[in-house]
């Protein structure tokens, strides 16, 4: 009898053990950005992290490393390929070396165009094909729509540029893509590649006469206090960030966890774009109030004339980079 009771007790313990939920392992992963926490990319990523934690019930735990604590954007694609970081969102201008077609939205035909046209392009078949190509060449999963930084404009320290002739001989700092350098040349300026960290000193010392950037970036770095007095709102391109997840990490995740990440991205990236646009508008107002930044915004007819002026540089550059003719044609059609 005692032996039978002992067996029943052991069986009960086993059954209770089987009925108890097994605590799931927490999967941590690193997200690398080289911008500060008040940047629209970072603020969007904070929202993404919240959604992932909430929807995975704490099983997925992304950790954000900002301000290049892990990698600069210039190096992060290699890190993603190697799997030394799990996620990042480099600027589209950093990706030309992996796929030249990533530079299409920087071509002269986009000069002065509305962001709505560019947005429709990147969210459609064109964006899907570029994302797929980048994914294969870098070894990453692109979870969905791209983040927006915003319109890029020209800023100057001494000259109030209001005519094409005013560009002549001006030394302008540009970022990343060779397309940006060619556009500056077509406008009449002299492009200079300088790291973002060195821009304030370059302005103070007169190494450059101006630069290409967004209102938010200029405000965050207080470039108006480094000598920038004039802004030319010429909307020469809308800048985007492409979200990327290392395949070495992605392929280890369960289908359920992959779905959590994809759904979280889909749920918030449009909100990030709205936030980015508001931050750009707010930054313009801040610089006006802080330093009296002089802003000139050409009308649509003027921008169209300037675009026509730089268009002859486009076809030679398309051939030089070997851009996909069909993707270029898709972009042209969207801008008609």
C-alpha atoms as a PDB file:
ATOM      1  CA  UNK A   1       0.000   0.000   0.000  1.00  0.00           C
ATOM      2  CA  UNK A   2       2.766   2.384   0.961  1.00  0.00           C
ATOM      3  CA  UNK A   3       4.606   1.517  -2.254  1.00  0.00           C
ATOM      4  CA  UNK A   4       1.488   2.322  -4.317  1.00  0.00           C
ATOM      5  CA  UNK A   5       1.015   5.646  -2.533  1.00  0.00           C
ATOM      6  CA  UNK A   6       4.659   6.509  -3.183  1.00  0.00           C
ATOM      7  CA  UNK A   7       4.229   5.805  -6.926  1.00  0.00           C
ATOM      8  CA  UNK A   8       1.098   7.974  -7.038  1.00  0.00           C
ATOM      9  CA  UNK A   9       2.946  10.819  -5.313  1.00  0.00           C
ATOM     10  CA  UNK A  10       5.835  10.638  -7.786  1.00  0.00           C
ATOM     11  CA  UNK A  11       3.373  10.591 -10.716  1.00  0.00           C
ATOM     12  CA  UNK A  12       1.565  13.637  -9.320  1.00  0.00           C
ATOM     13  CA  UNK A  13       4.846  15.550  -9.043  1.00  0.00           C
ATOM     14  CA  UNK A  14       5.710  14.682 -12.657  1.00  0.00           C
ATOM     15  CA  UNK A  15       2.273  15.766 -13.913  1.00  0.00           C
ATOM     16  CA  UNK A  16       2.477  19.054 -12.017  1.00  0.00           C
ATOM     17  CA  UNK A  17       5.911  19.656 -13.500  1.00  0.00           C
ATOM     18  CA  UNK A  18       4.652  19.013 -17.018  1.00  0.00           C
ATOM     19  CA  UNK A  19       1.724  21.368 -16.480  1.00  0.00           C
ATOM     20  CA  UNK A  20       3.949  24.231 -15.354  1.00  0.00           C
ATOM     21  CA  UNK A  21       4.781  26.715 -18.144  1.00  0.00           C
ATOM     22  CA  UNK A  22       8.362  26.636 -19.332  1.00  0.00           C
ATOM     23  CA  UNK A  23       9.850  30.102 -19.101  1.00  0.00           C
ATOM     24  CA  UNK A  24      10.892  31.194 -22.605  1.00  0.00           C
ATOM     25  CA  UNK A  25      14.438  32.310 -23.185  1.00  0.00           C
ATOM     26  CA  UNK A  26      14.799  36.068 -23.632  1.00  0.00           C
ATOM     27  CA  UNK A  27      16.417  36.872 -26.973  1.00  0.00           C
ATOM     28  CA  UNK A  28      18.450  40.063 -26.844  1.00  0.00           C
ATOM     29  CA  UNK A  29      19.661  41.874 -29.942  1.00  0.00           C
ATOM     30  CA  UNK A  30      21.605  45.058 -30.649  1.00  0.00           C
ATOM     31  CA  UNK A  31      20.487  47.961 -32.853  1.00  0.00           C
ATOM     32  CA  UNK A  32      23.246  50.313 -34.026  1.00  0.00           C
ATOM     33  CA  UNK A  33      22.619  53.941 -35.004  1.00  0.00           C
ATOM     34  CA  UNK A  34      25.213  56.706 -35.279  1.00  0.00           C
ATOM     35  CA  UNK A  35      22.786  59.555 -34.578  1.00  0.00           C
ATOM     36  CA  UNK A  36      21.826  61.074 -31.214  1.00  0.00           C
ATOM     37  CA  UNK A  37      18.682  60.269 -29.253  1.00  0.00           C
ATOM     38  CA  UNK A  38      16.873  63.457 -30.321  1.00  0.00           C
ATOM     39  CA  UNK A  39      17.163  62.435 -33.981  1.00  0.00           C
ATOM     40  CA  UNK A  40      14.009  61.324 -35.875  1.00  0.00           C
ATOM     41  CA  UNK A  41      15.594  57.958 -36.714  1.00  0.00           C
ATOM     42  CA  UNK A  42      16.366  57.244 -33.055  1.00  0.00           C
ATOM     43  CA  UNK A  43      12.960  58.347 -31.835  1.00  0.00           C
ATOM     44  CA  UNK A  44      11.308  56.069 -34.374  1.00  0.00           C
ATOM     45  CA  UNK A  45      13.480  53.158 -33.278  1.00  0.00           C
ATOM     46  CA  UNK A  46      12.510  53.709 -29.638  1.00  0.00           C
ATOM     47  CA  UNK A  47       8.870  53.206 -30.641  1.00  0.00           C
ATOM     48  CA  UNK A  48       9.785  50.063 -32.594  1.00  0.00           C
ATOM     49  CA  UNK A  49      11.585  48.634 -29.556  1.00  0.00           C
ATOM     50  CA  UNK A  50       8.539  49.280 -27.360  1.00  0.00           C
ATOM     51  CA  UNK A  51       6.277  47.452 -29.810  1.00  0.00           C
ATOM     52  CA  UNK A  52       8.623  44.468 -30.133  1.00  0.00           C
ATOM     53  CA  UNK A  53       8.887  44.042 -26.356  1.00  0.00           C
ATOM     54  CA  UNK A  54       5.138  44.404 -25.912  1.00  0.00           C
ATOM     55  CA  UNK A  55       4.112  42.068 -28.740  1.00  0.00           C
ATOM     56  CA  UNK A  56       6.668  39.398 -27.860  1.00  0.00           C
ATOM     57  CA  UNK A  57       5.628  39.587 -24.188  1.00  0.00           C
ATOM     58  CA  UNK A  58       9.217  40.285 -23.277  1.00  0.00           C
ATOM     59  CA  UNK A  59      10.688  37.348 -25.197  1.00  0.00           C
ATOM     60  CA  UNK A  60      12.452  39.707 -27.605  1.00  0.00           C
ATOM     61  CA  UNK A  61      14.594  42.435 -26.067  1.00  0.00           C
ATOM     62  CA  UNK A  62      16.136  44.893 -28.548  1.00  0.00           C
ATOM     63  CA  UNK A  63      18.795  47.257 -27.192  1.00  0.00           C
ATOM     64  CA  UNK A  64      19.531  50.566 -28.899  1.00  0.00           C
ATOM     65  CA  UNK A  65      23.141  51.755 -29.199  1.00  0.00           C
ATOM     66  CA  UNK A  66      23.117  55.367 -30.405  1.00  0.00           C
ATOM     67  CA  UNK A  67      25.693  58.016 -31.331  1.00  0.00           C
ATOM     68  CA  UNK A  68      27.975  55.434 -33.006  1.00  0.00           C
ATOM     69  CA  UNK A  69      28.537  53.602 -29.702  1.00  0.00           C
ATOM     70  CA  UNK A  70      28.941  50.454 -31.801  1.00  0.00           C
ATOM     71  CA  UNK A  71      29.415  51.488 -35.446  1.00  0.00           C
ATOM     72  CA  UNK A  72      29.271  54.472 -37.733  1.00  0.00           C
ATOM     73  CA  UNK A  73      26.817  54.039 -40.592  1.00  0.00           C
ATOM     74  CA  UNK A  74      29.757  53.842 -42.995  1.00  0.00           C
ATOM     75  CA  UNK A  75      30.819  50.571 -41.337  1.00  0.00           C
ATOM     76  CA  UNK A  76      27.537  49.101 -40.148  1.00  0.00           C
ATOM     77  CA  UNK A  77      26.629  47.185 -43.333  1.00  0.00           C
ATOM     78  CA  UNK A  78      29.770  45.090 -43.013  1.00  0.00           C
ATOM     79  CA  UNK A  79      28.927  44.438 -39.368  1.00  0.00           C
ATOM     80  CA  UNK A  80      25.443  43.298 -40.387  1.00  0.00           C
ATOM     81  CA  UNK A  81      26.915  40.973 -43.008  1.00  0.00           C
ATOM     82  CA  UNK A  82      29.253  39.441 -40.431  1.00  0.00           C
ATOM     83  CA  UNK A  83      26.530  39.249 -37.798  1.00  0.00           C
ATOM     84  CA  UNK A  84      28.459  41.314 -35.247  1.00  0.00           C
ATOM     85  CA  UNK A  85      25.397  43.536 -34.881  1.00  0.00           C
ATOM     86  CA  UNK A  86      21.817  42.405 -35.377  1.00  0.00           C
ATOM     87  CA  UNK A  87      20.038  45.504 -36.698  1.00  0.00           C
ATOM     88  CA  UNK A  88      20.688  48.976 -38.104  1.00  0.00           C
ATOM     89  CA  UNK A  89      19.145  51.543 -40.449  1.00  0.00           C
ATOM     90  CA  UNK A  90      21.854  53.171 -42.609  1.00  0.00           C
ATOM     91  CA  UNK A  91      21.139  56.162 -44.825  1.00  0.00           C
ATOM     92  CA  UNK A  92      20.328  55.417 -48.459  1.00  0.00           C
ATOM     93  CA  UNK A  93      23.345  57.549 -49.440  1.00  0.00           C
ATOM     94  CA  UNK A  94      25.617  55.020 -47.686  1.00  0.00           C
ATOM     95  CA  UNK A  95      24.457  52.118 -49.858  1.00  0.00           C
ATOM     96  CA  UNK A  96      25.630  53.124 -53.321  1.00  0.00           C
ATOM     97  CA  UNK A  97      28.694  50.864 -53.096  1.00  0.00           C
ATOM     98  CA  UNK A  98      26.453  47.828 -52.496  1.00  0.00           C
ATOM     99  CA  UNK A  99      23.858  48.691 -55.114  1.00  0.00           C
ATOM    100  CA  UNK A 100      24.264  51.829 -57.273  1.00  0.00           C
ATOM    101  CA  UNK A 101      20.488  51.889 -57.793  1.00  0.00           C
ATOM    102  CA  UNK A 102      20.121  53.079 -54.198  1.00  0.00           C
ATOM    103  CA  UNK A 103      21.319  56.477 -55.462  1.00  0.00           C
ATOM    104  CA  UNK A 104      18.515  56.921 -58.013  1.00  0.00           C
ATOM    105  CA  UNK A 105      16.461  59.189 -55.729  1.00  0.00           C
ATOM    106  CA  UNK A 106      19.460  61.545 -55.562  1.00  0.00           C
ATOM    107  CA  UNK A 107      19.538  62.098 -59.330  1.00  0.00           C
ATOM    108  CA  UNK A 108      18.926  65.589 -60.778  1.00  0.00           C
ATOM    109  CA  UNK A 109      15.377  64.675 -61.839  1.00  0.00           C
ATOM    110  CA  UNK A 110      14.403  64.664 -58.134  1.00  0.00           C
ATOM    111  CA  UNK A 111      15.704  68.208 -57.554  1.00  0.00           C
ATOM    112  CA  UNK A 112      12.897  70.396 -56.205  1.00  0.00           C
ATOM    113  CA  UNK A 113      10.333  67.594 -56.361  1.00  0.00           C
ATOM    114  CA  UNK A 114       7.752  66.925 -53.658  1.00  0.00           C
ATOM    115  CA  UNK A 115       8.475  64.280 -51.032  1.00  0.00           C
ATOM    116  CA  UNK A 116       5.094  62.720 -51.825  1.00  0.00           C
ATOM    117  CA  UNK A 117       6.388  61.631 -55.233  1.00  0.00           C
ATOM    118  CA  UNK A 118       9.524  60.120 -53.736  1.00  0.00           C
ATOM    119  CA  UNK A 119       7.517  58.429 -50.991  1.00  0.00           C
ATOM    120  CA  UNK A 120       5.191  56.806 -53.518  1.00  0.00           C
ATOM    121  CA  UNK A 121       8.230  55.508 -55.380  1.00  0.00           C
ATOM    122  CA  UNK A 122      10.034  54.013 -52.371  1.00  0.00           C
ATOM    123  CA  UNK A 123       6.815  52.445 -51.053  1.00  0.00           C
ATOM    124  CA  UNK A 124       5.961  50.864 -54.411  1.00  0.00           C
ATOM    125  CA  UNK A 125       7.476  48.272 -56.725  1.00  0.00           C
ATOM    126  CA  UNK A 126      10.636  50.353 -57.188  1.00  0.00           C
ATOM    127  CA  UNK A 127      11.358  50.381 -53.452  1.00  0.00           C
ATOM    128  CA  UNK A 128      10.561  46.679 -53.167  1.00  0.00           C
ATOM    129  CA  UNK A 129      13.070  45.790 -55.874  1.00  0.00           C
ATOM    130  CA  UNK A 130      15.818  48.008 -54.459  1.00  0.00           C
ATOM    131  CA  UNK A 131      15.219  46.558 -50.976  1.00  0.00           C
ATOM    132  CA  UNK A 132      15.410  42.989 -52.305  1.00  0.00           C
ATOM    133  CA  UNK A 133      18.648  43.765 -54.128  1.00  0.00           C
ATOM    134  CA  UNK A 134      20.223  45.374 -51.058  1.00  0.00           C
ATOM    135  CA  UNK A 135      19.098  42.454 -48.926  1.00  0.00           C
ATOM    136  CA  UNK A 136      20.834  39.930 -51.175  1.00  0.00           C
ATOM    137  CA  UNK A 137      24.036  41.935 -51.605  1.00  0.00           C
ATOM    138  CA  UNK A 138      24.517  42.837 -47.940  1.00  0.00           C
ATOM    139  CA  UNK A 139      23.055  39.699 -46.383  1.00  0.00           C
ATOM    140  CA  UNK A 140      20.171  41.289 -44.510  1.00  0.00           C
ATOM    141  CA  UNK A 141      16.412  41.131 -44.109  1.00  0.00           C
ATOM    142  CA  UNK A 142      14.652  44.438 -44.759  1.00  0.00           C
ATOM    143  CA  UNK A 143      11.525  44.323 -42.573  1.00  0.00           C
ATOM    144  CA  UNK A 144       9.449  46.936 -44.370  1.00  0.00           C
ATOM    145  CA  UNK A 145       9.121  50.584 -45.295  1.00  0.00           C
ATOM    146  CA  UNK A 146      12.045  52.955 -44.999  1.00  0.00           C
ATOM    147  CA  UNK A 147      12.426  55.615 -42.320  1.00  0.00           C
ATOM    148  CA  UNK A 148      12.440  59.227 -43.472  1.00  0.00           C
ATOM    149  CA  UNK A 149      14.966  61.868 -42.501  1.00  0.00           C
ATOM    150  CA  UNK A 150      13.437  64.613 -44.614  1.00  0.00           C
ATOM    151  CA  UNK A 151      14.186  67.154 -47.291  1.00  0.00           C
ATOM    152  CA  UNK A 152      17.779  68.175 -47.820  1.00  0.00           C
ATOM    153  CA  UNK A 153      18.603  71.817 -48.544  1.00  0.00           C
ATOM    154  CA  UNK A 154      21.675  74.025 -48.945  1.00  0.00           C
ATOM    155  CA  UNK A 155      23.122  76.158 -46.127  1.00  0.00           C
ATOM    156  CA  UNK A 156      25.753  78.913 -46.438  1.00  0.00           C
ATOM    157  CA  UNK A 157      27.904  81.022 -44.116  1.00  0.00           C
ATOM    158  CA  UNK A 158      28.514  84.161 -46.210  1.00  0.00           C
ATOM    159  CA  UNK A 159      26.477  84.119 -49.382  1.00  0.00           C
ATOM    160  CA  UNK A 160      22.705  84.375 -49.722  1.00  0.00           C
ATOM    161  CA  UNK A 161      22.277  82.121 -52.764  1.00  0.00           C
ATOM    162  CA  UNK A 162      19.225  83.125 -54.780  1.00  0.00           C
ATOM    163  CA  UNK A 163      20.365  82.573 -58.384  1.00  0.00           C
ATOM    164  CA  UNK A 164      22.174  79.762 -60.160  1.00  0.00           C
ATOM    165  CA  UNK A 165      25.085  82.119 -60.756  1.00  0.00           C
ATOM    166  CA  UNK A 166      25.510  82.439 -56.987  1.00  0.00           C
ATOM    167  CA  UNK A 167      26.647  78.802 -56.768  1.00  0.00           C
ATOM    168  CA  UNK A 168      29.728  79.455 -58.864  1.00  0.00           C
ATOM    169  CA  UNK A 169      32.924  78.564 -57.006  1.00  0.00           C
ATOM    170  CA  UNK A 170      31.226  77.943 -53.658  1.00  0.00           C
ATOM    171  CA  UNK A 171      32.807  75.096 -51.651  1.00  0.00           C
ATOM    172  CA  UNK A 172      29.977  72.861 -50.456  1.00  0.00           C
ATOM    173  CA  UNK A 173      30.275  69.934 -48.069  1.00  0.00           C
ATOM    174  CA  UNK A 174      28.260  66.943 -49.296  1.00  0.00           C
ATOM    175  CA  UNK A 175      27.401  63.580 -47.773  1.00  0.00           C
ATOM    176  CA  UNK A 176      28.013  60.054 -48.994  1.00  0.00           C
ATOM    177  CA  UNK A 177      26.823  59.507 -52.524  1.00  0.00           C
ATOM    178  CA  UNK A 178      28.866  60.522 -55.561  1.00  0.00           C
ATOM    179  CA  UNK A 179      25.569  61.647 -57.118  1.00  0.00           C
ATOM    180  CA  UNK A 180      25.481  64.477 -54.583  1.00  0.00           C
ATOM    181  CA  UNK A 181      28.953  65.610 -55.653  1.00  0.00           C
ATOM    182  CA  UNK A 182      27.933  65.595 -59.318  1.00  0.00           C
ATOM    183  CA  UNK A 183      24.809  67.634 -58.583  1.00  0.00           C
ATOM    184  CA  UNK A 184      26.878  70.301 -56.806  1.00  0.00           C
ATOM    185  CA  UNK A 185      29.198  70.492 -59.817  1.00  0.00           C
ATOM    186  CA  UNK A 186      26.200  70.820 -62.149  1.00  0.00           C
ATOM    187  CA  UNK A 187      24.906  73.714 -60.041  1.00  0.00           C
ATOM    188  CA  UNK A 188      28.309  75.396 -60.324  1.00  0.00           C
ATOM    189  CA  UNK A 189      29.700  74.652 -56.879  1.00  0.00           C
ATOM    190  CA  UNK A 190      32.781  72.782 -55.703  1.00  0.00           C
ATOM    191  CA  UNK A 191      31.952  69.609 -53.696  1.00  0.00           C
ATOM    192  CA  UNK A 192      34.007  68.706 -50.626  1.00  0.00           C
ATOM    193  CA  UNK A 193      33.675  65.481 -48.636  1.00  0.00           C
ATOM    194  CA  UNK A 194      34.052  66.156 -44.893  1.00  0.00           C
ATOM    195  CA  UNK A 195      32.880  63.962 -42.006  1.00  0.00           C
ATOM    196  CA  UNK A 196      29.854  65.297 -40.145  1.00  0.00           C
ATOM    197  CA  UNK A 197      31.792  65.611 -36.891  1.00  0.00           C
ATOM    198  CA  UNK A 198      34.238  67.993 -38.593  1.00  0.00           C
ATOM    199  CA  UNK A 199      31.614  70.218 -40.240  1.00  0.00           C
ATOM    200  CA  UNK A 200      31.310  72.889 -37.487  1.00  0.00           C
ATOM    201  CA  UNK A 201      35.080  73.462 -37.452  1.00  0.00           C
ATOM    202  CA  UNK A 202      35.200  73.485 -41.263  1.00  0.00           C
ATOM    203  CA  UNK A 203      32.566  76.238 -41.260  1.00  0.00           C
ATOM    204  CA  UNK A 204      34.341  78.279 -38.576  1.00  0.00           C
ATOM    205  CA  UNK A 205      37.690  78.002 -40.366  1.00  0.00           C
ATOM    206  CA  UNK A 206      36.201  78.687 -43.790  1.00  0.00           C
ATOM    207  CA  UNK A 207      37.296  75.335 -45.207  1.00  0.00           C
ATOM    208  CA  UNK A 208      33.836  75.182 -46.765  1.00  0.00           C
ATOM    209  CA  UNK A 209      31.364  77.928 -47.657  1.00  0.00           C
ATOM    210  CA  UNK A 210      28.308  75.818 -47.030  1.00  0.00           C
ATOM    211  CA  UNK A 211      26.832  72.357 -46.943  1.00  0.00           C
ATOM    212  CA  UNK A 212      23.950  70.091 -47.859  1.00  0.00           C
ATOM    213  CA  UNK A 213      21.833  68.822 -44.966  1.00  0.00           C
ATOM    214  CA  UNK A 214      18.381  68.929 -43.384  1.00  0.00           C
ATOM    215  CA  UNK A 215      16.898  71.572 -41.101  1.00  0.00           C
ATOM    216  CA  UNK A 216      16.869  69.127 -38.188  1.00  0.00           C
ATOM    217  CA  UNK A 217      20.509  68.123 -38.661  1.00  0.00           C
ATOM    218  CA  UNK A 218      21.589  71.765 -38.904  1.00  0.00           C
ATOM    219  CA  UNK A 219      19.664  72.609 -35.743  1.00  0.00           C
ATOM    220  CA  UNK A 220      20.867  69.583 -33.739  1.00  0.00           C
ATOM    221  CA  UNK A 221      24.497  70.490 -34.463  1.00  0.00           C
ATOM    222  CA  UNK A 222      23.754  74.209 -33.997  1.00  0.00           C
ATOM    223  CA  UNK A 223      25.397  75.037 -37.302  1.00  0.00           C
ATOM    224  CA  UNK A 224      23.809  78.477 -37.156  1.00  0.00           C
ATOM    225  CA  UNK A 225      26.121  79.116 -34.184  1.00  0.00           C
ATOM    226  CA  UNK A 226      29.070  77.851 -36.259  1.00  0.00           C
ATOM    227  CA  UNK A 227      28.538  80.523 -38.882  1.00  0.00           C
ATOM    228  CA  UNK A 228      25.602  79.399 -41.033  1.00  0.00           C
ATOM    229  CA  UNK A 229      23.524  82.481 -41.818  1.00  0.00           C
ATOM    230  CA  UNK A 230      21.607  81.509 -44.950  1.00  0.00           C
ATOM    231  CA  UNK A 231      19.425  78.579 -45.980  1.00  0.00           C
ATOM    232  CA  UNK A 232      18.301  77.813 -49.514  1.00  0.00           C
ATOM    233  CA  UNK A 233      15.196  75.613 -49.348  1.00  0.00           C
ATOM    234  CA  UNK A 234      15.602  73.919 -52.707  1.00  0.00           C
ATOM    235  CA  UNK A 235      14.357  70.429 -51.750  1.00  0.00           C
ATOM    236  CA  UNK A 236      17.090  68.712 -53.740  1.00  0.00           C
ATOM    237  CA  UNK A 237      16.311  65.244 -52.345  1.00  0.00           C
ATOM    238  CA  UNK A 238      14.331  63.439 -49.664  1.00  0.00           C
ATOM    239  CA  UNK A 239      16.646  61.332 -47.522  1.00  0.00           C
ATOM    240  CA  UNK A 240      15.671  57.898 -46.230  1.00  0.00           C
ATOM    241  CA  UNK A 241      17.084  55.281 -43.882  1.00  0.00           C
ATOM    242  CA  UNK A 242      16.791  51.604 -44.832  1.00  0.00           C
ATOM    243  CA  UNK A 243      16.047  49.201 -41.933  1.00  0.00           C
ATOM    244  CA  UNK A 244      18.219  46.077 -42.001  1.00  0.00           C
ATOM    245  CA  UNK A 245      18.394  42.917 -39.893  1.00  0.00           C
ATOM    246  CA  UNK A 246      21.391  40.607 -40.165  1.00  0.00           C
ATOM    247  CA  UNK A 247      20.423  37.308 -41.802  1.00  0.00           C
ATOM    248  CA  UNK A 248      22.740  35.536 -39.369  1.00  0.00           C
ATOM    249  CA  UNK A 249      20.367  36.676 -36.611  1.00  0.00           C
ATOM    250  CA  UNK A 250      17.091  36.633 -38.562  1.00  0.00           C
ATOM    251  CA  UNK A 251      17.367  33.010 -39.671  1.00  0.00           C
ATOM    252  CA  UNK A 252      17.811  31.840 -36.066  1.00  0.00           C
ATOM    253  CA  UNK A 253      14.489  33.355 -34.993  1.00  0.00           C
ATOM    254  CA  UNK A 254      11.278  31.353 -34.855  1.00  0.00           C
ATOM    255  CA  UNK A 255       8.534  32.170 -37.361  1.00  0.00           C
ATOM    256  CA  UNK A 256       6.501  33.676 -34.507  1.00  0.00           C
ATOM    257  CA  UNK A 257       9.325  35.989 -33.475  1.00  0.00           C
ATOM    258  CA  UNK A 258       9.951  36.992 -37.086  1.00  0.00           C
ATOM    259  CA  UNK A 259       6.270  37.884 -37.389  1.00  0.00           C
ATOM    260  CA  UNK A 260       6.433  39.999 -34.237  1.00  0.00           C
ATOM    261  CA  UNK A 261       9.288  42.047 -35.705  1.00  0.00           C
ATOM    262  CA  UNK A 262       7.660  42.431 -39.131  1.00  0.00           C
ATOM    263  CA  UNK A 263       4.320  43.450 -37.615  1.00  0.00           C
ATOM    264  CA  UNK A 264       5.965  45.915 -35.221  1.00  0.00           C
ATOM    265  CA  UNK A 265       7.818  47.549 -38.100  1.00  0.00           C
ATOM    266  CA  UNK A 266       4.697  47.774 -40.235  1.00  0.00           C
ATOM    267  CA  UNK A 267       2.772  49.299 -37.328  1.00  0.00           C
ATOM    268  CA  UNK A 268       5.079  52.251 -36.719  1.00  0.00           C
ATOM    269  CA  UNK A 269       7.213  53.341 -39.705  1.00  0.00           C
ATOM    270  CA  UNK A 270       4.607  55.732 -41.131  1.00  0.00           C
ATOM    271  CA  UNK A 271       4.337  57.333 -37.698  1.00  0.00           C
ATOM    272  CA  UNK A 272       8.111  57.837 -37.776  1.00  0.00           C
ATOM    273  CA  UNK A 273       7.841  59.693 -41.085  1.00  0.00           C
ATOM    274  CA  UNK A 274       5.200  62.057 -39.708  1.00  0.00           C
ATOM    275  CA  UNK A 275       7.353  62.680 -36.656  1.00  0.00           C
ATOM    276  CA  UNK A 276      10.406  63.370 -38.839  1.00  0.00           C
ATOM    277  CA  UNK A 277       8.518  65.985 -40.878  1.00  0.00           C
ATOM    278  CA  UNK A 278       7.329  67.748 -37.741  1.00  0.00           C
ATOM    279  CA  UNK A 279      10.867  67.757 -36.337  1.00  0.00           C
ATOM    280  CA  UNK A 280      12.162  69.318 -39.570  1.00  0.00           C
ATOM    281  CA  UNK A 281       9.537  72.074 -39.396  1.00  0.00           C
ATOM    282  CA  UNK A 282      10.231  72.689 -35.711  1.00  0.00           C
ATOM    283  CA  UNK A 283      13.995  72.892 -36.342  1.00  0.00           C
ATOM    284  CA  UNK A 284      13.501  75.598 -38.953  1.00  0.00           C
ATOM    285  CA  UNK A 285      11.543  77.687 -36.460  1.00  0.00           C
ATOM    286  CA  UNK A 286      14.136  77.137 -33.729  1.00  0.00           C
ATOM    287  CA  UNK A 287      17.006  78.402 -35.904  1.00  0.00           C
ATOM    288  CA  UNK A 288      15.017  81.420 -37.047  1.00  0.00           C
ATOM    289  CA  UNK A 289      14.388  82.356 -33.434  1.00  0.00           C
ATOM    290  CA  UNK A 290      17.849  81.471 -32.128  1.00  0.00           C
ATOM    291  CA  UNK A 291      20.030  83.164 -34.713  1.00  0.00           C
ATOM    292  CA  UNK A 292      17.765  84.866 -37.218  1.00  0.00           C
ATOM    293  CA  UNK A 293      18.564  82.337 -39.971  1.00  0.00           C
ATOM    294  CA  UNK A 294      17.759  83.870 -43.360  1.00  0.00           C
ATOM    295  CA  UNK A 295      15.733  81.433 -45.466  1.00  0.00           C
ATOM    296  CA  UNK A 296      15.053  81.737 -49.182  1.00  0.00           C
ATOM    297  CA  UNK A 297      12.552  79.345 -50.773  1.00  0.00           C
ATOM    298  CA  UNK A 298      12.410  79.557 -54.585  1.00  0.00           C
ATOM    299  CA  UNK A 299       9.014  79.148 -56.228  1.00  0.00           C
ATOM    300  CA  UNK A 300       8.156  76.043 -58.246  1.00  0.00           C
ATOM    301  CA  UNK A 301       8.932  77.712 -61.569  1.00  0.00           C
ATOM    302  CA  UNK A 302      12.429  78.625 -60.371  1.00  0.00           C
ATOM    303  CA  UNK A 303      13.083  75.133 -59.020  1.00  0.00           C
ATOM    304  CA  UNK A 304      11.898  73.631 -62.315  1.00  0.00           C
ATOM    305  CA  UNK A 305      14.297  75.910 -64.218  1.00  0.00           C
ATOM    306  CA  UNK A 306      17.202  74.931 -61.965  1.00  0.00           C
ATOM    307  CA  UNK A 307      16.291  71.260 -62.357  1.00  0.00           C
ATOM    308  CA  UNK A 308      16.334  71.676 -66.134  1.00  0.00           C
ATOM    309  CA  UNK A 309      19.753  73.325 -65.872  1.00  0.00           C
ATOM    310  CA  UNK A 310      21.348  70.344 -64.085  1.00  0.00           C
ATOM    311  CA  UNK A 311      19.547  67.585 -66.022  1.00  0.00           C
ATOM    312  CA  UNK A 312      22.261  67.242 -68.735  1.00  0.00           C
ATOM    313  CA  UNK A 313      24.532  65.757 -66.047  1.00  0.00           C
ATOM    314  CA  UNK A 314      22.100  62.923 -65.343  1.00  0.00           C
ATOM    315  CA  UNK A 315      22.441  60.527 -68.304  1.00  0.00           C
ATOM    316  CA  UNK A 316      26.263  60.416 -68.257  1.00  0.00           C
ATOM    317  CA  UNK A 317      26.132  59.654 -64.548  1.00  0.00           C
ATOM    318  CA  UNK A 318      23.518  56.917 -65.037  1.00  0.00           C
ATOM    319  CA  UNK A 319      25.856  55.276 -67.538  1.00  0.00           C
ATOM    320  CA  UNK A 320      28.909  55.776 -65.323  1.00  0.00           C
ATOM    321  CA  UNK A 321      27.255  54.057 -62.364  1.00  0.00           C
ATOM    322  CA  UNK A 322      25.595  51.399 -64.498  1.00  0.00           C
ATOM    323  CA  UNK A 323      22.145  52.071 -63.076  1.00  0.00           C
ATOM    324  CA  UNK A 324      19.334  49.677 -63.969  1.00  0.00           C
ATOM    325  CA  UNK A 325      17.498  51.187 -66.956  1.00  0.00           C
ATOM    326  CA  UNK A 326      14.129  49.799 -65.861  1.00  0.00           C
ATOM    327  CA  UNK A 327      14.443  51.208 -62.336  1.00  0.00           C
ATOM    328  CA  UNK A 328      15.455  54.606 -63.731  1.00  0.00           C
ATOM    329  CA  UNK A 329      12.458  54.481 -66.080  1.00  0.00           C
ATOM    330  CA  UNK A 330      10.131  53.651 -63.171  1.00  0.00           C
ATOM    331  CA  UNK A 331      11.452  56.674 -61.287  1.00  0.00           C
ATOM    332  CA  UNK A 332      11.009  58.969 -64.285  1.00  0.00           C
ATOM    333  CA  UNK A 333       7.427  57.793 -64.732  1.00  0.00           C
ATOM    334  CA  UNK A 334       6.613  58.497 -61.087  1.00  0.00           C
ATOM    335  CA  UNK A 335       7.871  62.072 -61.456  1.00  0.00           C
ATOM    336  CA  UNK A 336       5.855  62.862 -64.597  1.00  0.00           C
END
